[in-house]
C-alpha atoms as a PDB file:
ATOM      1  CA  ALA A   1      -8.789  -9.609  -8.525  1.00  0.00           C
ATOM      2  CA  GLY A   2      -7.328  -6.679  -6.625  1.00  0.00           C
ATOM      3  CA  ILE A   3      -8.773  -3.217  -6.565  1.00  0.00           C
ATOM      4  CA  GLU A   4      -6.231  -0.638  -7.702  1.00  0.00           C
ATOM      5  CA  ASP A   5      -7.061   2.711  -6.403  1.00  0.00           C
ATOM      6  CA  SER A   6      -6.775   4.857  -3.308  1.00  0.00           C
ATOM      7  CA  HIS A   7      -7.325   3.388   0.102  1.00  0.00           C
ATOM      8  CA  PRO A   8      -7.056   6.166   2.771  1.00  0.00           C
ATOM      9  CA  GLU A   9      -6.388   3.833   5.771  1.00  0.00           C
ATOM     10  CA  VAL A  10      -3.565   1.923   4.018  1.00  0.00           C
ATOM     11  CA  GLU A  11      -2.136   5.220   2.680  1.00  0.00           C
ATOM     12  CA  ALA A  12      -2.089   6.703   6.218  1.00  0.00           C
ATOM     13  CA  VAL A  13       0.066   3.797   7.465  1.00  0.00           C
ATOM     14  CA  LEU A  14       2.437   4.256   4.510  1.00  0.00           C
ATOM     15  CA  ARG A  15       2.709   8.020   5.122  1.00  0.00           C
ATOM     16  CA  ARG A  16       3.432   7.424   8.837  1.00  0.00           C
ATOM     17  CA  ILE A  17       6.312   5.072   7.871  1.00  0.00           C
ATOM     18  CA  ASP A  18       7.649   7.660   5.374  1.00  0.00           C
ATOM     19  CA  ARG A  19       7.530  10.415   8.018  1.00  0.00           C
ATOM     20  CA  ALA A  20       9.579   8.250  10.405  1.00  0.00           C
ATOM     21  CA  TRP A  21      12.596   7.755   8.201  1.00  0.00           C
ATOM     22  CA  ARG A  22      12.418  10.943   6.128  1.00  0.00           C
ATOM     23  CA  GLU A  23      11.480  13.443   8.933  1.00  0.00           C
ATOM     24  CA  LYS A  24      12.500  11.527  12.097  1.00  0.00           C
ATOM     25  CA  GLN A  25       8.904  11.511  13.353  1.00  0.00           C
ATOM     26  CA  PHE A  26       8.787   8.229  15.134  1.00  0.00           C
ATOM     27  CA  ASP A  27       5.472   8.535  16.986  1.00  0.00           C
ATOM     28  CA  GLY A  28       3.240   5.586  16.220  1.00  0.00           C
ATOM     29  CA  LEU A  29       5.848   3.816  14.051  1.00  0.00           C
ATOM     30  CA  ASP A  30       5.731   0.489  15.953  1.00  0.00           C
ATOM     31  CA  GLN A  31       1.965   0.306  15.451  1.00  0.00           C
ATOM     32  CA  CYS A  32       2.520   0.378  11.682  1.00  0.00           C
ATOM     33  CA  PHE A  33       3.925  -3.192  11.843  1.00  0.00           C
ATOM     34  CA  ALA A  34       2.201  -6.499  12.655  1.00  0.00           C
ATOM     35  CA  GLU A  35       3.502  -8.298  15.695  1.00  0.00           C
ATOM     36  CA  HIS A  36       5.412 -10.900  13.625  1.00  0.00           C
ATOM     37  CA  ALA A  37       6.285  -8.558  10.696  1.00  0.00           C
ATOM     38  CA  VAL A  38       9.425  -9.360   8.640  1.00  0.00           C
ATOM     39  CA  ILE A  39      11.661  -7.239   6.398  1.00  0.00           C
ATOM     40  CA  THR A  40      13.771  -9.166   3.863  1.00  0.00           C
ATOM     41  CA  GLY A  41      16.354  -8.184   1.360  1.00  0.00           C
ATOM     42  CA  PRO A  42      18.280  -9.888  -1.482  1.00  0.00           C
ATOM     43  CA  GLU A  43      18.362 -13.704  -1.352  1.00  0.00           C
ATOM     44  CA  HIS A  44      15.480 -13.466   1.136  1.00  0.00           C
ATOM     45  CA  ALA A  45      17.961 -12.465   3.903  1.00  0.00           C
ATOM     46  CA  VAL A  46      16.070 -11.385   6.994  1.00  0.00           C
ATOM     47  CA  TYR A  47      16.826  -7.775   7.880  1.00  0.00           C
ATOM     48  CA  ALA A  48      14.361  -7.440  10.748  1.00  0.00           C
ATOM     49  CA  GLU A  49      11.868  -9.742  12.414  1.00  0.00           C
ATOM     50  CA  GLY A  50       9.088  -8.698  14.774  1.00  0.00           C
ATOM     51  CA  ARG A  51       7.223  -5.368  15.224  1.00  0.00           C
ATOM     52  CA  HIS A  52       9.929  -3.607  17.231  1.00  0.00           C
ATOM     53  CA  ALA A  53      12.823  -4.720  15.153  1.00  0.00           C
ATOM     54  CA  CYS A  54      11.078  -3.617  11.914  1.00  0.00           C
ATOM     55  CA  ALA A  55      10.263  -0.177  13.336  1.00  0.00           C
ATOM     56  CA  GLU A  56      13.849   0.096  14.794  1.00  0.00           C
ATOM     57  CA  SER A  57      15.259  -0.522  11.319  1.00  0.00           C
ATOM     58  CA  TYR A  58      13.607   2.722  10.136  1.00  0.00           C
ATOM     59  CA  ARG A  59      14.681   4.671  13.271  1.00  0.00           C
ATOM     60  CA  GLU A  60      18.265   3.421  12.867  1.00  0.00           C
ATOM     61  CA  PHE A  61      18.447   4.540   9.203  1.00  0.00           C
ATOM     62  CA  ALA A  62      16.913   7.936  10.035  1.00  0.00           C
ATOM     63  CA  ARG A  63      19.456   8.563  12.831  1.00  0.00           C
ATOM     64  CA  ASN A  64      22.549   7.331  11.029  1.00  0.00           C
ATOM     65  CA  ALA A  65      22.142   8.218   7.367  1.00  0.00           C
ATOM     66  CA  SER A  66      21.578  11.589   5.687  1.00  0.00           C
ATOM     67  CA  VAL A  67      19.574  11.346   2.480  1.00  0.00           C
ATOM     68  CA  LEU A  68      20.976  13.606  -0.223  1.00  0.00           C
ATOM     69  CA  GLN A  69      18.454  12.735  -2.873  1.00  0.00           C
ATOM     70  CA  TYR A  70      15.453  10.422  -2.974  1.00  0.00           C
ATOM     71  CA  SER A  71      12.773   9.652  -5.532  1.00  0.00           C
ATOM     72  CA  GLU A  72      10.041   7.016  -5.995  1.00  0.00           C
ATOM     73  CA  SER A  73       8.115   5.935  -9.077  1.00  0.00           C
ATOM     74  CA  GLY A  74       5.709   3.301 -10.304  1.00  0.00           C
ATOM     75  CA  HIS A  75       3.477   3.238  -7.200  1.00  0.00           C
ATOM     76  CA  ARG A  76       0.832   0.544  -7.245  1.00  0.00           C
ATOM     77  CA  LEU A  77      -1.556  -0.278  -4.470  1.00  0.00           C
ATOM     78  CA  ARG A  78      -3.744  -3.385  -4.725  1.00  0.00           C
ATOM     79  CA  VAL A  79      -6.281  -4.313  -2.074  1.00  0.00           C
ATOM     80  CA  PHE A  80      -7.548  -7.894  -1.712  1.00  0.00           C
ATOM     81  CA  GLY A  81     -10.112  -7.821   1.084  1.00  0.00           C
ATOM     82  CA  ALA A  82      -8.073  -7.767   4.304  1.00  0.00           C
ATOM     83  CA  THR A  83      -4.716  -7.772   2.431  1.00  0.00           C
ATOM     84  CA  ALA A  84      -3.008  -4.936   0.580  1.00  0.00           C
ATOM     85  CA  VAL A  85       0.148  -5.057  -1.613  1.00  0.00           C
ATOM     86  CA  TYR A  86       2.029  -1.804  -2.236  1.00  0.00           C
ATOM     87  CA  THR A  87       4.867  -1.731  -4.698  1.00  0.00           C
ATOM     88  CA  PHE A  88       7.185   1.028  -5.977  1.00  0.00           C
ATOM     89  CA  ALA A  89      10.625   1.674  -7.397  1.00  0.00           C
ATOM     90  CA  TRP A  90      13.051   4.027  -5.648  1.00  0.00           C
ATOM     91  CA  GLU A  91      16.447   5.691  -6.085  1.00  0.00           C
ATOM     92  CA  MET A  92      18.421   7.123  -3.227  1.00  0.00           C
ATOM     93  CA  GLU A  93      21.713   8.891  -2.678  1.00  0.00           C
ATOM     94  CA  TYR A  94      22.737   9.017   0.897  1.00  0.00           C
ATOM     95  CA  ARG A  95      25.729   9.511   3.211  1.00  0.00           C
ATOM     96  CA  ARG A  96      26.460   7.094   6.035  1.00  0.00           C
ATOM     97  CA  GLU A  97      29.661   6.830   8.099  1.00  0.00           C
ATOM     98  CA  GLY A  98      31.281   9.396   5.875  1.00  0.00           C
ATOM     99  CA  GLU A  99      30.636   7.486   2.709  1.00  0.00           C
ATOM    100  CA  SER A 100      28.190   8.464  -0.074  1.00  0.00           C
ATOM    101  CA  LYS A 101      26.160   5.715  -1.738  1.00  0.00           C
ATOM    102  CA  LEU A 102      23.758   5.704  -4.649  1.00  0.00           C
ATOM    103  CA  GLU A 103      21.262   2.804  -4.655  1.00  0.00           C
ATOM    104  CA  ARG A 104      18.150   1.989  -6.599  1.00  0.00           C
ATOM    105  CA  GLY A 105      15.695  -0.827  -6.257  1.00  0.00           C
ATOM    106  CA  THR A 106      12.087  -1.772  -5.526  1.00  0.00           C
ATOM    107  CA  ASP A 107      10.016  -2.272  -2.387  1.00  0.00           C
ATOM    108  CA  GLN A 108       7.063  -4.553  -1.908  1.00  0.00           C
ATOM    109  CA  LEU A 109       4.996  -4.141   1.240  1.00  0.00           C
ATOM    110  CA  VAL A 110       2.203  -6.499   2.235  1.00  0.00           C
ATOM    111  CA  LEU A 111      -0.262  -5.098   4.764  1.00  0.00           C
ATOM    112  CA  THR A 112      -2.942  -6.955   6.638  1.00  0.00           C
ATOM    113  CA  HIS A 113      -6.130  -5.677   8.221  1.00  0.00           C
ATOM    114  CA  SER A 114      -6.663  -7.132  11.687  1.00  0.00           C
ATOM    115  CA  ALA A 115      -8.332  -5.853  14.863  1.00  0.00           C
ATOM    116  CA  GLY A 116      -9.454  -2.708  13.112  1.00  0.00           C
ATOM    117  CA  ALA A 117      -6.052  -1.586  11.815  1.00  0.00           C
ATOM    118  CA  TRP A 118      -3.871  -1.899   8.778  1.00  0.00           C
ATOM    119  CA  GLN A 119      -0.287  -3.011   9.488  1.00  0.00           C
ATOM    120  CA  VAL A 120       2.744  -4.032   7.450  1.00  0.00           C
ATOM    121  CA  ALA A 121       3.271  -7.809   7.800  1.00  0.00           C
ATOM    122  CA  PHE A 122       6.026  -8.172   5.166  1.00  0.00           C
ATOM    123  CA  ARG A 123       8.447  -5.952   3.304  1.00  0.00           C
ATOM    124  CA  GLN A 124      10.743  -7.190   0.562  1.00  0.00           C
ATOM    125  CA  ILE A 125      13.530  -4.848  -0.567  1.00  0.00           C
ATOM    126  CA  THR A 126      15.369  -5.533  -3.858  1.00  0.00           C
ATOM    127  CA  PHE A 127      18.393  -3.626  -5.117  1.00  0.00           C
ATOM    128  CA  ALA A 128      19.237  -2.964  -8.760  1.00  0.00           C
ATOM    129  CA  PRO A 129      22.749  -4.065  -9.783  1.00  0.00           C
ATOM    130  CA  ALA A 130      25.387  -1.374  -9.242  1.00  0.00           C
ATOM    131  CA  GLU A 131      26.301   0.331 -12.496  1.00  0.00           C
END
């Protein structure tokens, strides 16, 4: 069974990732991802593969989109030994290439603890159907 409560080391990695795309603070972002990390979307489409590509996906969004409104809910962190699973729902309105979009969905991040550090190994993004 997983332990559901705070885990400061895991939460520090998640905060560093948040600071990257929300505040354009990219220092240490690559180290938040495992060497062979993967980000997938709907239909298991691969959005990014490998540490650098995963980190770059956050940098690219931060540079090219302006977030007008963002909220998260339903946060759950479960730790199973050297594996952690973090899930939450989100809603975002943003502008990109002159176009405004409203999207909502969920994120699931799987982190592993290896060589003394927690890193994201897998992120699955799902989008709610457009209304």
